[in-house]
Amino acid sequence: MTQDYILIGMKLLGALGLLIYGMRMMSEALQKMAGPQLRHILGKMTTNRLTGMLTGTLVTCAVQSSSATTVMTVSFVSAGLLTLGQAISVIMGANIGTTLTAWIMSLGYNVDLTTVVFPAFFVGIVLIYRKRHRFVGDFLFGIAFMFLSLVMLSSAGKELDLEHNEDVVGFFASFDTGSYWTILAFLAIGTVITCIVQSSAAVMAITILLCSTGVLPIYLGIALVMGENIGTTATANLAALGAGIPARRAALAHLLFNVFGVAWMLCIFYPFVNLVCALVGYDPAGGGQAALLPVVLAMFHTCFNVINTALLIGFIPQMERIVCRLLPERKRPEGERLHLRYIQANLVQTPEIAVLQAQKETAAYAQRVQQMFALVRQLANEQDEEAFAKRFAEIEHQEDIADRIEIEIASFLEDVSKDHLSDITKLKVRQIMREIGELESIGDACYNMARTLNRRYELDAAPTLTPALRERLQTIMQRTDDALTQMNAVMTGHGRDHDISKTYGIEDEINQMRHRLKAESIAEVNDQRYSYIVGIMFSDLVGECEKLGDYVVNVVQARLSTT
């Protein structure tokens, strides 16, 4: 008998593992299919609280994992793609969407799903081998694994025959279902188990299994479900633990939302559960009708989350203020300025989300190199030796930061590339790699210009540009800065809103100015208006501006080719 229980227990554990794997496979496949459009979809569908909530509901219904939706949302907040208010509305919708999982599970205990499982496996493997539709195949495989695990759980539950096991029945009967202390104890158990397992679906499956056999009273089963609602927030909070303040705020909002819901539910626990039982046609006092218990759990889960969302959706601004007060912005020490702003390498995410974060980080990188060029323009006009040295040191520091940012983004993308990527995502990774290489070259050009200007303090001849040369240099620098401004407009905007011909036009003007200014400089050196060394300095500076313009064109070409 003991050996039979061990075998059934192994079957249960295997079925739960298969359930978690199948849901994860579904989630990842769907995110890869929709990944390239995720940013634009979320941007359009989260314009207000209601659409944000509907977006969270639909996405969670599709991926069958509120944790996946929540972690995805936290990642978008971390990457600056969603505001905190938008994220809260999406998280509320995710809580509603996850109730579909309970309905599917309750269906699995009352309907033979094997008729769906095996055709799904066959169609899925055909699509996987046809590489063009491999993500659809992965999605079907995930569904098949999930349904198969439910069939296995239902089968194992019947084999356990717990309703005829006097020890198990006596154990659960020893709990006073009319005591709030018992309800709180099972709520805590559900929370802890979900935090450990990191899957509310797995804990929900166990709860439905115990209730369907009739050994777990419905009040205790619902207490476990309430605990699962709190425990499921651990996934996003753990993912955001080492991330930035915006991501941690979004994860905390999820926790507060679910805790508040459980708090008001406890106040009306017994009347509410009795009402749900009445809707389903189950008598909690009379017992029996164990087949209805999975439906009661699914109905309670849906009613609870829908009502909780309806109560709080109007208070999103207040929730936003609360989490901002609990997690205020902190000033970073000087040494932390080298950290990336949007990329959080320890944040759980799909490659598509990671690429969106890398695009935002690269846009911030582009703004940094333009600020570095602004320092060079100031350096060109600086006449005070002490102020010049201070500004030159700042440019050296910024150049070092630019080099390190390039390495960090490249390393992050290399890690992303190790995953199974869609063709569009692979293209975006290559183009971002090109962008950061060109941006680093812009930083090098700025540093080269600063070193050229610094020659007057390195050479005995102490060459310095004449006022007329400084004025001409500022003219070409202004046009170069215009090119950088246009580049940043492309990097932060949407590709369809920009015409690359404007960048080409500015670059052509810079080329013409370089030819003219160099010719004028050669003529003036021949006329001995200033020394040959001064002429070389001026030509080098003008040449670096022209190179910088070429790098800008390369960045814009790379960015527009990915949209």
Protein backbone atom coordinates (compact mmCIF):
# COMPACT_ATOMS: atom_id res chain seq x y z
CA MET A 1 0.00 0.00 0.00
CA THR A 2 2.83 2.37 0.91
CA GLN A 3 4.53 1.57 -2.41
CA ASP A 4 1.32 2.45 -4.26
CA TYR A 5 1.16 5.84 -2.51
CA ILE A 6 4.81 6.52 -3.41
CA LEU A 7 4.15 5.78 -7.08
CA ILE A 8 1.01 7.93 -7.08
CA GLY A 9 2.93 10.70 -5.28
CA MET A 10 5.64 10.60 -7.97
CA LYS A 11 2.93 10.75 -10.61
CA LEU A 12 1.43 13.81 -8.89
CA LEU A 13 4.79 15.58 -8.71
CA GLY A 14 5.51 14.76 -12.35
CA ALA A 15 2.09 16.06 -13.39
CA LEU A 16 2.64 19.32 -11.47
CA GLY A 17 6.07 19.70 -13.08
CA LEU A 18 4.52 19.10 -16.49
CA LEU A 19 1.80 21.67 -15.72
CA ILE A 20 4.35 24.35 -14.78
CA TYR A 21 6.52 23.54 -17.83
CA GLY A 22 3.55 23.56 -20.20
CA MET A 23 2.32 26.94 -18.97
CA ARG A 24 5.83 28.38 -19.18
CA MET A 25 6.20 27.03 -22.72
CA MET A 26 2.87 28.59 -23.73
CA SER A 27 3.82 31.93 -22.18
CA GLU A 28 7.24 32.15 -23.81
CA ALA A 29 5.96 31.04 -27.22
CA LEU A 30 3.19 33.64 -27.22
CA GLN A 31 5.56 36.41 -26.12
CA LYS A 32 7.96 35.44 -28.93
CA MET A 33 5.13 35.51 -31.46
CA ALA A 34 3.92 38.92 -30.29
CA GLY A 35 7.29 40.22 -29.06
CA PRO A 36 8.18 42.60 -31.93
CA GLN A 37 4.78 44.31 -31.60
CA LEU A 38 4.55 44.26 -27.79
CA ARG A 39 5.72 47.83 -27.29
CA HIS A 40 3.29 49.28 -29.80
CA ILE A 41 0.39 47.08 -28.59
CA LEU A 42 0.89 48.10 -24.96
CA GLY A 43 1.39 51.74 -25.93
CA LYS A 44 -1.95 51.83 -27.75
CA MET A 45 -3.93 49.64 -25.37
CA THR A 46 -2.96 51.29 -22.09
CA THR A 47 -4.13 54.80 -22.88
CA ASN A 48 -6.52 54.75 -19.90
CA ARG A 49 -7.30 52.61 -16.87
CA LEU A 50 -10.01 50.53 -18.52
CA THR A 51 -8.02 49.67 -21.65
CA GLY A 52 -4.98 48.92 -19.51
CA MET A 53 -7.03 46.53 -17.38
CA LEU A 54 -8.48 44.84 -20.49
CA THR A 55 -4.97 44.50 -21.93
CA GLY A 56 -3.75 42.74 -18.78
CA THR A 57 -6.80 40.45 -18.84
CA LEU A 58 -6.40 39.47 -22.50
CA VAL A 59 -2.63 38.95 -22.31
CA THR A 60 -2.95 36.79 -19.18
CA CYS A 61 -5.76 34.74 -20.72
CA ALA A 62 -3.48 34.12 -23.69
CA VAL A 63 -0.26 33.27 -21.83
CA GLN A 64 -2.11 31.53 -18.95
CA SER A 65 0.16 33.05 -16.33
CA SER A 66 -0.44 36.18 -14.29
CA SER A 67 3.16 35.94 -13.09
CA ALA A 68 4.41 36.11 -16.68
CA THR A 69 2.20 39.12 -17.41
CA THR A 70 3.22 40.86 -14.19
CA VAL A 71 6.95 40.24 -14.68
CA MET A 72 6.57 41.43 -18.28
CA THR A 73 4.83 44.58 -17.04
CA VAL A 74 7.51 45.19 -14.41
CA SER A 75 10.13 44.81 -17.16
CA PHE A 76 8.33 47.40 -19.30
CA VAL A 77 8.22 49.82 -16.37
CA SER A 78 11.92 49.22 -15.76
CA ALA A 79 12.61 49.94 -19.43
CA GLY A 80 10.54 53.12 -19.34
CA LEU A 81 7.98 51.71 -21.81
CA LEU A 82 5.05 51.97 -19.37
CA THR A 83 4.25 54.44 -16.62
CA LEU A 84 3.53 53.18 -13.11
CA GLY A 85 -0.16 54.05 -13.48
CA GLN A 86 -0.43 52.09 -16.73
CA ALA A 87 1.38 49.15 -15.13
CA ILE A 88 -1.04 49.05 -12.18
CA SER A 89 -4.05 48.86 -14.51
CA VAL A 90 -2.40 46.04 -16.50
CA ILE A 91 -1.63 44.15 -13.26
CA MET A 92 -5.28 44.48 -12.19
CA GLY A 93 -6.31 42.95 -15.50
CA ALA A 94 -3.76 40.16 -15.04
CA ASN A 95 -5.50 39.17 -11.81
CA ILE A 96 -8.76 38.78 -13.73
CA GLY A 97 -7.10 36.96 -16.64
CA THR A 98 -5.51 34.35 -14.39
CA THR A 99 -8.97 33.17 -13.28
CA LEU A 100 -9.31 31.45 -16.67
CA THR A 101 -6.65 28.99 -15.49
CA ALA A 102 -8.90 27.84 -12.64
CA TRP A 103 -11.80 27.33 -15.07
CA ILE A 104 -9.59 25.25 -17.40
CA MET A 105 -8.45 23.15 -14.44
CA SER A 106 -12.00 22.63 -13.19
CA LEU A 107 -12.90 21.56 -16.74
CA GLY A 108 -10.00 19.10 -16.68
CA TYR A 109 -11.50 17.34 -13.67
CA ASN A 110 -14.91 16.97 -15.31
CA VAL A 111 -14.12 16.44 -19.03
CA ASP A 112 -11.80 13.96 -20.77
CA LEU A 113 -9.16 16.21 -22.36
CA THR A 114 -7.18 13.41 -24.04
CA THR A 115 -9.17 13.99 -27.23
CA VAL A 116 -7.50 17.43 -27.43
CA VAL A 117 -4.03 16.53 -26.16
CA PHE A 118 -2.79 14.09 -28.78
CA PRO A 119 -3.91 16.03 -31.88
CA ALA A 120 -2.27 19.14 -30.35
CA PHE A 121 1.02 17.24 -29.93
CA PHE A 122 0.91 16.05 -33.55
CA VAL A 123 0.08 19.45 -35.07
CA GLY A 124 2.62 21.12 -32.76
CA ILE A 125 5.54 18.91 -33.79
CA VAL A 126 4.71 19.43 -37.49
CA LEU A 127 4.77 23.21 -37.01
CA ILE A 128 8.00 23.08 -34.96
CA TYR A 129 9.79 21.28 -37.79
CA ARG A 130 8.43 23.89 -40.19
CA LYS A 131 10.69 26.63 -38.79
CA ARG A 132 8.49 29.41 -40.08
CA HIS A 133 5.74 28.48 -37.59
CA ARG A 134 7.85 26.99 -34.81
CA PHE A 135 6.54 29.39 -32.15
CA VAL A 136 2.93 28.38 -32.93
CA GLY A 137 4.10 24.78 -32.54
CA ASP A 138 5.69 25.59 -29.20
CA PHE A 139 2.43 27.22 -28.11
CA LEU A 140 0.40 24.12 -29.06
CA PHE A 141 2.91 21.90 -27.26
CA GLY A 142 2.49 24.04 -24.15
CA ILE A 143 -1.31 23.67 -24.31
CA ALA A 144 -0.97 19.92 -24.82
CA PHE A 145 1.40 19.56 -21.87
CA MET A 146 -0.96 21.59 -19.67
CA PHE A 147 -4.02 19.51 -20.61
CA LEU A 148 -2.07 16.26 -20.27
CA SER A 149 -0.94 17.27 -16.78
CA LEU A 150 -4.57 17.95 -15.81
CA VAL A 151 -5.57 14.49 -17.06
CA MET A 152 -2.71 12.97 -15.04
CA LEU A 153 -3.69 14.93 -11.91
CA SER A 154 -7.32 13.86 -12.21
CA SER A 155 -6.22 10.24 -12.70
CA ALA A 156 -3.83 10.38 -9.73
CA GLY A 157 -6.54 11.93 -7.56
CA LYS A 158 -8.88 9.03 -8.34
CA GLU A 159 -6.10 6.51 -7.63
CA LEU A 160 -5.40 8.10 -4.26
CA ASP A 161 -9.03 7.50 -3.28
CA LEU A 162 -8.64 9.99 -0.43
CA GLU A 163 -12.35 10.15 0.31
CA HIS A 164 -12.10 6.58 1.66
CA ASN A 165 -8.89 7.19 3.60
CA GLU A 166 -10.03 7.64 7.19
CA ASP A 167 -6.76 9.23 8.33
CA VAL A 168 -6.82 11.95 5.66
CA VAL A 169 -10.54 12.60 6.06
CA GLY A 170 -10.13 12.76 9.84
CA PHE A 171 -7.18 15.15 9.55
CA PHE A 172 -9.09 17.74 7.52
CA ALA A 173 -12.26 17.19 9.55
CA SER A 174 -10.33 18.13 12.70
CA PHE A 175 -10.13 21.75 11.52
CA ASP A 176 -12.92 24.07 12.61
CA THR A 177 -14.10 25.59 9.33
CA GLY A 178 -16.19 28.13 11.25
CA SER A 179 -13.13 29.66 12.92
CA TYR A 180 -11.35 32.65 11.43
CA TRP A 181 -8.08 31.35 12.90
CA THR A 182 -8.37 28.25 10.75
CA ILE A 183 -9.11 30.35 7.67
CA LEU A 184 -6.10 32.57 8.40
CA ALA A 185 -3.89 29.51 8.93
CA PHE A 186 -4.82 28.02 5.53
CA LEU A 187 -4.48 31.45 3.91
CA ALA A 188 -0.92 31.59 5.25
CA ILE A 189 -0.24 28.03 4.05
CA GLY A 190 -1.44 28.93 0.53
CA THR A 191 0.74 32.05 0.54
CA VAL A 192 3.89 30.23 1.68
CA ILE A 193 3.48 27.28 -0.69
CA THR A 194 2.89 29.61 -3.66
CA CYS A 195 5.97 31.65 -2.74
CA ILE A 196 8.05 28.46 -2.62
CA VAL A 197 6.65 26.83 -5.76
CA GLN A 198 6.55 30.16 -7.67
CA SER A 199 3.41 29.00 -9.48
CA SER A 200 -0.11 29.80 -8.34
CA ALA A 201 -1.38 27.43 -11.04
CA ALA A 202 0.38 24.47 -9.42
CA VAL A 203 -1.04 25.31 -5.99
CA MET A 204 -4.48 25.85 -7.53
CA ALA A 205 -4.20 22.37 -9.11
CA ILE A 206 -3.41 20.83 -5.72
CA THR A 207 -6.31 22.70 -4.11
CA ILE A 208 -8.75 21.55 -6.81
CA LEU A 209 -7.44 18.00 -6.48
CA LEU A 210 -8.05 17.94 -2.72
CA CYS A 211 -11.48 19.57 -3.02
CA SER A 212 -12.61 17.34 -5.90
CA THR A 213 -12.02 14.25 -3.76
CA GLY A 214 -14.25 15.73 -1.06
CA VAL A 215 -11.66 15.59 1.73
CA LEU A 216 -10.89 19.35 1.81
CA PRO A 217 -13.85 21.51 2.95
CA ILE A 218 -14.70 24.31 0.56
CA TYR A 219 -14.00 27.05 3.14
CA LEU A 220 -10.42 25.81 3.59
CA GLY A 221 -9.95 25.40 -0.16
CA ILE A 222 -11.03 28.99 -0.75
CA ALA A 223 -8.67 30.15 2.02
CA LEU A 224 -5.83 28.46 0.11
CA VAL A 225 -6.94 30.24 -3.08
CA MET A 226 -6.81 33.59 -1.28
CA GLY A 227 -3.31 32.76 -0.06
CA GLU A 228 -2.30 31.93 -3.64
CA ASN A 229 -3.40 35.43 -4.67
CA ILE A 230 -0.87 36.94 -2.25
CA GLY A 231 1.85 34.35 -2.87
CA THR A 232 1.80 34.86 -6.63
CA THR A 233 3.02 38.45 -6.14
CA ALA A 234 6.35 37.05 -4.88
CA THR A 235 7.48 36.24 -8.43
CA ALA A 236 7.38 39.85 -9.61
CA ASN A 237 8.77 41.20 -6.33
CA LEU A 238 11.72 38.81 -6.44
CA ALA A 239 12.32 39.67 -10.11
CA ALA A 240 12.31 43.38 -9.27
CA LEU A 241 14.38 43.03 -6.10
CA GLY A 242 17.66 44.04 -7.72
CA ALA A 243 16.07 46.25 -10.37
CA GLY A 244 15.48 49.99 -10.33
CA ILE A 245 12.93 51.91 -8.27
CA PRO A 246 10.24 51.99 -11.05
CA ALA A 247 10.23 48.19 -11.35
CA ARG A 248 10.09 47.72 -7.58
CA ARG A 249 7.19 50.16 -7.34
CA ALA A 250 5.18 48.21 -9.94
CA ALA A 251 5.83 44.93 -8.10
CA LEU A 252 4.89 46.51 -4.75
CA ALA A 253 1.64 47.85 -6.25
CA HIS A 254 0.76 44.27 -7.23
CA LEU A 255 1.34 43.09 -3.65
CA LEU A 256 -0.70 45.94 -2.11
CA PHE A 257 -3.56 45.36 -4.55
CA ASN A 258 -3.84 41.67 -3.66
CA VAL A 259 -3.36 42.19 0.09
CA PHE A 260 -6.14 44.80 0.11
CA GLY A 261 -8.42 42.39 -1.72
CA VAL A 262 -7.80 39.61 0.77
CA ALA A 263 -8.33 42.05 3.67
CA TRP A 264 -11.84 43.11 2.61
CA MET A 265 -12.73 39.54 1.62
CA LEU A 266 -11.92 38.31 5.14
CA CYS A 267 -14.45 40.81 6.51
CA ILE A 268 -17.28 39.16 4.55
CA PHE A 269 -15.72 35.73 4.06
CA TYR A 270 -18.52 33.35 5.06
CA PRO A 271 -21.47 35.26 3.49
CA PHE A 272 -19.49 35.72 0.25
CA VAL A 273 -18.46 32.04 0.03
CA ASN A 274 -22.04 30.95 0.74
CA LEU A 275 -23.26 33.27 -2.04
CA VAL A 276 -20.79 31.79 -4.53
CA CYS A 277 -21.80 28.27 -3.51
CA ALA A 278 -25.44 29.21 -4.06
CA LEU A 279 -24.64 30.49 -7.56
CA VAL A 280 -23.07 27.13 -8.44
CA GLY A 281 -25.73 25.08 -6.67
CA TYR A 282 -23.51 23.60 -3.99
CA ASP A 283 -24.53 23.32 -0.33
CA PRO A 284 -21.43 23.90 1.88
CA ALA A 285 -23.26 22.65 4.99
CA GLY A 286 -24.71 19.50 3.47
CA GLY A 287 -21.54 18.32 1.73
CA GLY A 288 -21.66 15.84 -1.15
CA GLN A 289 -21.56 16.90 -4.82
CA ALA A 290 -17.73 16.89 -4.77
CA ALA A 291 -17.69 17.27 -8.55
CA LEU A 292 -19.02 20.83 -8.11
CA LEU A 293 -16.19 21.92 -5.80
CA PRO A 294 -13.66 22.74 -8.61
CA VAL A 295 -16.37 24.92 -10.19
CA VAL A 296 -16.98 26.66 -6.85
CA LEU A 297 -13.24 27.44 -6.53
CA ALA A 298 -13.09 28.81 -10.09
CA MET A 299 -16.25 30.88 -9.54
CA PHE A 300 -14.92 32.32 -6.27
CA HIS A 301 -11.56 33.15 -7.87
CA THR A 302 -13.30 35.01 -10.70
CA CYS A 303 -15.80 36.89 -8.52
CA PHE A 304 -13.13 37.89 -6.01
CA ASN A 305 -10.70 39.31 -8.60
CA VAL A 306 -13.38 41.03 -10.69
CA ILE A 307 -14.90 42.76 -7.64
CA ASN A 308 -11.48 43.68 -6.24
CA THR A 309 -10.52 45.29 -9.57
CA ALA A 310 -13.85 47.11 -9.80
CA LEU A 311 -13.32 48.54 -6.30
CA LEU A 312 -9.75 49.75 -6.88
CA ILE A 313 -9.54 50.72 -10.56
CA GLY A 314 -10.78 54.20 -9.70
CA PHE A 315 -8.01 54.65 -7.11
CA ILE A 316 -4.96 53.98 -9.31
CA PRO A 317 -3.54 57.53 -8.79
CA GLN A 318 -3.81 57.07 -5.03
CA MET A 319 -2.11 53.67 -5.22
CA GLU A 320 0.61 55.26 -7.32
CA ARG A 321 1.20 57.92 -4.67
CA ILE A 322 1.31 55.30 -1.90
CA VAL A 323 3.97 53.14 -3.58
CA CYS A 324 5.98 56.24 -4.51
CA ARG A 325 5.89 57.29 -0.85
CA LEU A 326 6.89 53.81 0.32
CA LEU A 327 9.69 53.61 -2.26
CA PRO A 328 10.97 57.17 -2.79
CA GLU A 329 13.64 58.03 -5.34
CA ARG A 330 17.09 58.03 -3.85
CA LYS A 331 20.07 60.01 -5.02
CA ARG A 332 22.72 57.78 -6.48
CA PRO A 333 26.28 58.12 -5.22
CA GLU A 334 28.80 59.37 -7.76
CA GLY A 335 30.15 55.89 -8.39
CA GLU A 336 26.74 54.55 -9.41
CA ARG A 337 26.42 56.78 -12.46
CA LEU A 338 27.98 54.08 -14.60
CA HIS A 339 25.01 51.76 -14.11
CA LEU A 340 22.65 51.35 -17.04
CA ARG A 341 19.36 53.16 -16.71
CA TYR A 342 16.90 50.79 -18.38
CA ILE A 343 18.62 47.41 -18.60
CA GLN A 344 18.29 45.27 -15.49
CA ALA A 345 20.19 42.07 -16.24
CA ASN A 346 18.78 40.27 -13.19
CA LEU A 347 15.16 40.98 -14.16
CA VAL A 348 13.35 37.93 -15.53
CA GLN A 349 12.26 38.68 -19.08
CA THR A 350 11.87 37.36 -22.60
CA PRO A 351 14.38 38.24 -25.34
CA GLU A 352 11.85 40.53 -27.02
CA ILE A 353 11.44 42.61 -23.86
CA ALA A 354 15.21 42.61 -23.38
CA VAL A 355 15.67 44.03 -26.88
CA LEU A 356 13.17 46.80 -26.15
CA GLN A 357 15.15 47.65 -23.02
CA ALA A 358 18.38 47.67 -25.04
CA GLN A 359 16.80 50.08 -27.55
CA LYS A 360 15.84 52.46 -24.75
CA GLU A 361 19.32 52.17 -23.23
CA THR A 362 20.90 52.88 -26.60
CA ALA A 363 18.71 55.97 -26.98
CA ALA A 364 19.97 57.17 -23.58
CA TYR A 365 23.52 56.42 -24.75
CA ALA A 366 22.95 58.63 -27.81
CA GLN A 367 21.84 61.51 -25.59
CA ARG A 368 24.96 61.05 -23.46
CA VAL A 369 27.33 61.36 -26.44
CA GLN A 370 25.56 64.55 -27.57
CA GLN A 371 26.10 65.97 -24.08
CA MET A 372 29.76 64.99 -24.42
CA PHE A 373 29.95 66.92 -27.70
CA ALA A 374 28.43 69.95 -25.95
CA LEU A 375 31.34 69.82 -23.48
CA VAL A 376 33.78 69.81 -26.40
CA ARG A 377 32.11 72.92 -27.87
CA GLN A 378 32.53 74.67 -24.53
CA LEU A 379 36.14 73.52 -24.36
CA ALA A 380 36.87 75.07 -27.76
CA ASN A 381 35.92 78.52 -26.42
CA GLU A 382 37.55 78.11 -22.98
CA GLN A 383 40.51 80.46 -22.43
CA ASP A 384 41.08 80.05 -18.69
CA GLU A 385 43.69 77.32 -18.13
CA GLU A 386 42.22 76.00 -14.86
CA ALA A 387 38.66 75.86 -16.23
CA PHE A 388 40.00 74.24 -19.42
CA ALA A 389 41.77 71.50 -17.44
CA LYS A 390 38.63 70.80 -15.40
CA ARG A 391 36.43 70.53 -18.48
CA PHE A 392 39.00 68.35 -20.28
CA ALA A 393 39.08 65.98 -17.29
CA GLU A 394 35.28 65.75 -17.42
CA ILE A 395 35.41 64.82 -21.12
CA GLU A 396 38.00 62.12 -20.35
CA HIS A 397 35.67 60.76 -17.66
CA GLN A 398 32.68 60.80 -20.02
CA GLU A 399 34.70 58.99 -22.70
CA ASP A 400 35.54 56.24 -20.23
CA ILE A 401 31.85 55.94 -19.29
CA ALA A 402 30.88 55.78 -22.98
CA ASP A 403 33.30 52.89 -23.55
CA ARG A 404 31.95 51.00 -20.56
CA ILE A 405 28.32 51.54 -21.57
CA GLU A 406 29.06 50.07 -24.99
CA ILE A 407 30.60 46.98 -23.35
CA GLU A 408 27.69 46.55 -20.91
CA ILE A 409 25.00 46.82 -23.60
CA ALA A 410 26.95 44.48 -25.90
CA SER A 411 27.39 41.92 -23.09
CA PHE A 412 23.68 42.12 -22.29
CA LEU A 413 22.76 41.52 -25.94
CA GLU A 414 25.20 38.62 -26.17
CA ASP A 415 23.40 36.96 -23.25
CA VAL A 416 20.05 37.63 -24.94
CA SER A 417 21.33 36.08 -28.18
CA LYS A 418 21.95 32.77 -26.40
CA ASP A 419 18.17 32.28 -26.25
CA HIS A 420 16.01 31.06 -29.12
CA LEU A 421 15.21 34.31 -30.98
CA SER A 422 12.77 35.15 -33.73
CA ASP A 423 14.24 36.37 -37.02
CA ILE A 424 13.02 39.93 -36.37
CA THR A 425 14.58 39.93 -32.90
CA LYS A 426 17.89 38.64 -34.29
CA LEU A 427 17.88 41.52 -36.78
CA LYS A 428 17.21 44.04 -34.01
CA VAL A 429 20.06 42.66 -31.90
CA ARG A 430 22.48 43.05 -34.85
CA GLN A 431 21.30 46.58 -35.54
CA ILE A 432 21.61 47.66 -31.88
CA MET A 433 25.13 46.22 -31.86
CA ARG A 434 25.88 48.42 -34.86
CA GLU A 435 24.31 51.46 -33.18
CA ILE A 436 26.36 51.18 -29.98
CA GLY A 437 29.55 50.69 -32.01
CA GLU A 438 28.88 53.88 -33.95
CA LEU A 439 27.89 55.78 -30.80
CA GLU A 440 31.15 54.73 -29.15
CA SER A 441 32.94 56.09 -32.23
CA ILE A 442 31.14 59.41 -31.71
CA GLY A 443 32.45 59.42 -28.15
CA ASP A 444 35.97 58.71 -29.47
CA ALA A 445 35.65 61.57 -31.97
CA CYS A 446 34.66 63.93 -29.15
CA TYR A 447 37.64 62.81 -27.09
CA ASN A 448 39.99 63.21 -30.07
CA MET A 449 38.76 66.79 -30.52
CA ALA A 450 39.36 67.48 -26.82
CA ARG A 451 42.91 66.08 -27.07
CA THR A 452 43.56 68.23 -30.15
CA LEU A 453 42.44 71.33 -28.25
CA ASN A 454 44.64 70.28 -25.34
CA ARG A 455 47.79 70.40 -27.50
CA ARG A 456 48.36 74.03 -26.64
CA TYR A 457 49.22 72.94 -23.11
CA GLU A 458 51.32 69.97 -24.27
CA LEU A 459 53.56 71.66 -26.86
CA ASP A 460 56.25 74.24 -26.19
CA ALA A 461 54.98 76.37 -29.05
CA ALA A 462 51.66 76.71 -27.21
CA PRO A 463 49.52 76.88 -30.37
CA THR A 464 46.07 78.37 -29.99
CA LEU A 465 43.24 79.01 -32.42
CA THR A 466 42.69 82.56 -33.53
CA PRO A 467 39.29 84.18 -32.81
CA ALA A 468 38.39 83.85 -36.50
CA LEU A 469 39.22 80.12 -36.49
CA ARG A 470 37.22 79.58 -33.30
CA GLU A 471 34.24 81.26 -34.92
CA ARG A 472 34.51 79.03 -38.02
CA LEU A 473 34.94 75.96 -35.82
CA GLN A 474 31.77 76.82 -33.89
CA THR A 475 29.91 77.09 -37.22
CA ILE A 476 30.69 73.51 -38.26
CA MET A 477 30.23 72.33 -34.67
CA GLN A 478 26.74 73.84 -34.64
CA ARG A 479 25.83 71.88 -37.77
CA THR A 480 27.33 68.74 -36.23
CA ASP A 481 25.23 69.31 -33.13
CA ASP A 482 22.17 69.64 -35.40
CA ALA A 483 23.03 66.21 -36.80
CA LEU A 484 23.22 64.78 -33.29
CA THR A 485 19.88 66.38 -32.38
CA GLN A 486 18.29 64.81 -35.46
CA MET A 487 19.85 61.46 -34.52
CA ASN A 488 18.38 61.63 -31.02
CA ALA A 489 14.96 62.50 -32.43
CA VAL A 490 15.13 59.29 -34.47
CA MET A 491 16.40 57.24 -31.51
CA THR A 492 13.63 58.33 -29.15
CA GLY A 493 10.79 58.45 -31.70
CA HIS A 494 9.18 55.97 -34.06
CA GLY A 495 10.89 55.23 -37.36
CA ARG A 496 7.82 55.97 -39.49
CA ASP A 497 7.82 59.54 -38.17
CA HIS A 498 11.29 60.34 -39.55
CA ASP A 499 12.81 60.81 -42.99
CA ILE A 500 16.45 59.82 -43.31
CA SER A 501 16.93 62.37 -46.10
CA LYS A 502 17.11 65.14 -43.45
CA THR A 503 20.10 63.40 -41.84
CA TYR A 504 21.73 62.94 -45.25
CA GLY A 505 21.20 66.65 -45.97
CA ILE A 506 22.93 67.77 -42.75
CA GLU A 507 25.81 65.34 -43.35
CA ASP A 508 26.27 66.68 -46.89
CA GLU A 509 26.42 70.24 -45.53
CA ILE A 510 29.08 69.20 -43.01
CA ASN A 511 31.15 67.62 -45.80
CA GLN A 512 30.97 70.78 -47.90
CA MET A 513 31.89 72.95 -44.89
CA ARG A 514 34.89 70.71 -44.15
CA HIS A 515 36.22 71.05 -47.73
CA ARG A 516 35.75 74.82 -47.69
CA LEU A 517 37.22 75.39 -44.22
CA LYS A 518 40.25 73.18 -44.90
CA ALA A 519 40.93 75.01 -48.18
CA GLU A 520 40.67 78.38 -46.43
CA SER A 521 43.01 77.19 -43.66
CA ILE A 522 45.66 76.01 -46.13
CA ALA A 523 45.53 79.34 -47.94
CA GLU A 524 45.86 81.32 -44.70
CA VAL A 525 48.80 79.19 -43.50
CA ASN A 526 50.52 79.88 -46.82
CA ASP A 527 49.87 83.58 -46.29
CA GLN A 528 51.45 83.16 -42.83
CA ARG A 529 48.41 84.48 -40.96
CA TYR A 530 49.06 81.81 -38.33
CA SER A 531 51.45 78.93 -37.80
CA TYR A 532 51.37 75.56 -39.52
CA ILE A 533 50.67 73.83 -36.16
CA VAL A 534 47.57 75.99 -35.64
CA GLY A 535 46.41 75.13 -39.16
CA ILE A 536 46.89 71.40 -38.48
CA MET A 537 44.94 71.69 -35.21
CA PHE A 538 42.07 73.41 -36.99
CA SER A 539 42.05 70.86 -39.84
CA ASP A 540 42.03 67.97 -37.37
CA LEU A 541 39.07 69.45 -35.50
CA VAL A 542 37.13 70.03 -38.70
CA GLY A 543 37.98 66.50 -39.86
CA GLU A 544 36.68 64.99 -36.62
CA CYS A 545 33.39 66.90 -37.07
CA GLU A 546 33.08 65.35 -40.53
CA LYS A 547 33.79 61.85 -39.17
CA LEU A 548 31.27 62.42 -36.40
CA GLY A 549 28.66 63.33 -39.03
CA ASP A 550 29.35 60.02 -40.81
CA TYR A 551 28.89 58.09 -37.56
CA VAL A 552 25.56 59.86 -37.02
CA VAL A 553 24.36 58.72 -40.45
CA ASN A 554 25.34 55.13 -39.61
CA VAL A 555 23.39 55.25 -36.33
CA VAL A 556 20.27 56.63 -38.02
CA GLN A 557 20.50 54.03 -40.79
CA ALA A 558 20.73 51.24 -38.21
CA ARG A 559 17.79 52.49 -36.14
CA LEU A 560 15.48 53.12 -39.11
CA SER A 561 16.24 49.69 -40.55
CA THR A 562 14.79 48.01 -37.40
CA THR A 563 11.39 49.75 -37.47
